[in-house]
Amino acid sequence: MIAQDIIIRPIITEKSMMGATEKKYTFEVAKSANKIEIAKACEELFKVKVAKVNVVNVRGHFRRQGANNGGYTRSWKKAYVTLTEDSKNIEFFEGMM
């Protein structure tokens, strides 16, 4: 897998923006990716040094519309990427704050 296939999109929320000030960034990643692959993809895409990666599997939430029985949203994987102290920040998140 190439880096663009591993990191799908950044997660932009208030909580993730607070973490960006401490060099902790949140991404949606491929379900089959492991921590080592995620770290290498971040280093390749953003030219930074990764200190640590935490991964969470997010379950689909139950949703219903009208009188039907409802269904579940898709499940996905979230990665919290922490950069080293001497690493530069990711420019994409700088414009958001």
Protein backbone atom coordinates (compact mmCIF):
# COMPACT_ATOMS: atom_id res chain seq x y z
CA MET A 1 0.00 0.00 0.00
CA ILE A 2 1.17 3.52 -0.72
CA ALA A 3 0.97 6.38 1.78
CA GLN A 4 -2.12 7.94 0.17
CA ASP A 5 -4.00 4.65 0.57
CA ILE A 6 -3.11 4.39 4.27
CA ILE A 7 -4.02 7.91 5.44
CA ILE A 8 -7.54 8.62 4.18
CA ARG A 9 -8.34 12.02 5.70
CA PRO A 10 -7.59 14.24 8.72
CA ILE A 11 -10.16 14.44 11.50
CA ILE A 12 -11.11 18.08 12.10
CA THR A 13 -12.85 18.54 15.47
CA GLU A 14 -12.36 20.82 18.46
CA LYS A 15 -10.64 18.05 20.39
CA SER A 16 -8.26 17.19 17.54
CA MET A 17 -7.38 20.88 17.05
CA MET A 18 -6.45 21.15 20.74
CA GLY A 19 -4.14 18.17 20.29
CA ALA A 20 -2.52 19.77 17.25
CA THR A 21 -1.03 22.45 19.51
CA GLU A 22 0.85 19.63 21.32
CA LYS A 23 1.92 17.96 18.02
CA LYS A 24 -0.78 15.27 18.27
CA TYR A 25 -2.72 14.82 15.04
CA THR A 26 -5.79 12.68 14.27
CA PHE A 27 -6.40 10.85 10.98
CA GLU A 28 -8.83 8.36 9.51
CA VAL A 29 -6.72 5.47 8.23
CA ALA A 30 -7.23 2.25 6.30
CA LYS A 31 -8.71 -0.56 8.40
CA SER A 32 -5.93 -2.94 7.40
CA ALA A 33 -3.07 -0.55 8.30
CA ASN A 34 -0.94 -1.15 11.39
CA LYS A 35 0.96 1.36 13.55
CA ILE A 36 4.26 0.97 11.70
CA GLU A 37 2.63 1.53 8.29
CA ILE A 38 0.77 4.59 9.60
CA ALA A 39 3.97 6.11 11.02
CA LYS A 40 5.86 5.58 7.76
CA ALA A 41 2.99 7.05 5.73
CA CYS A 42 2.89 10.20 7.92
CA GLU A 43 6.66 10.64 7.63
CA GLU A 44 6.50 10.24 3.85
CA LEU A 45 3.47 12.48 3.21
CA PHE A 46 4.18 15.33 5.64
CA LYS A 47 8.02 15.15 6.00
CA VAL A 48 7.88 14.90 9.81
CA LYS A 49 9.28 12.56 12.49
CA VAL A 50 6.72 10.38 14.27
CA ALA A 51 7.28 9.52 17.94
CA LYS A 52 4.21 7.39 18.62
CA VAL A 53 0.97 6.14 17.03
CA ASN A 54 -2.20 5.13 18.88
CA VAL A 55 -4.99 3.37 16.97
CA VAL A 56 -8.73 3.08 17.70
CA ASN A 57 -11.32 1.00 15.82
CA VAL A 58 -14.54 3.07 15.65
CA ARG A 59 -17.74 1.03 15.50
CA GLY A 60 -20.61 2.07 13.26
CA HIS A 61 -23.41 3.99 15.00
CA PHE A 62 -27.06 2.93 14.76
CA ARG A 63 -29.14 5.33 12.67
CA ARG A 64 -32.76 5.25 11.59
CA GLN A 65 -34.90 7.39 9.33
CA GLY A 66 -38.64 7.43 9.63
CA ALA A 67 -40.49 4.18 10.33
CA ASN A 68 -37.91 1.73 8.96
CA ASN A 69 -35.80 -0.50 11.17
CA GLY A 70 -32.63 1.49 10.61
CA GLY A 71 -29.08 0.44 10.04
CA TYR A 72 -25.50 1.14 11.01
CA THR A 73 -23.01 3.68 9.68
CA ARG A 74 -19.73 2.25 8.46
CA SER A 75 -17.02 1.28 10.92
CA TRP A 76 -13.56 2.81 10.48
CA LYS A 77 -10.12 3.17 12.07
CA LYS A 78 -8.75 6.30 13.71
CA ALA A 79 -5.07 7.01 14.39
CA TYR A 80 -3.59 9.50 16.86
CA VAL A 81 -0.11 10.43 15.61
CA THR A 82 2.32 12.13 18.02
CA LEU A 83 5.35 13.88 16.53
CA THR A 84 8.78 14.24 18.13
CA GLU A 85 9.73 17.50 19.86
CA ASP A 86 12.26 18.47 17.17
CA SER A 87 9.87 17.71 14.30
CA LYS A 88 8.12 20.50 12.41
CA ASN A 89 4.33 20.91 12.54
CA ILE A 90 2.01 19.68 9.79
CA GLU A 91 1.09 22.75 7.69
CA PHE A 92 -2.42 21.51 6.88
CA PHE A 93 -3.51 21.83 10.52
CA GLU A 94 -1.84 25.24 10.96
CA GLY A 95 -4.42 26.91 8.71
CA MET A 96 -7.29 25.45 10.74
CA MET A 97 -6.32 26.99 14.11
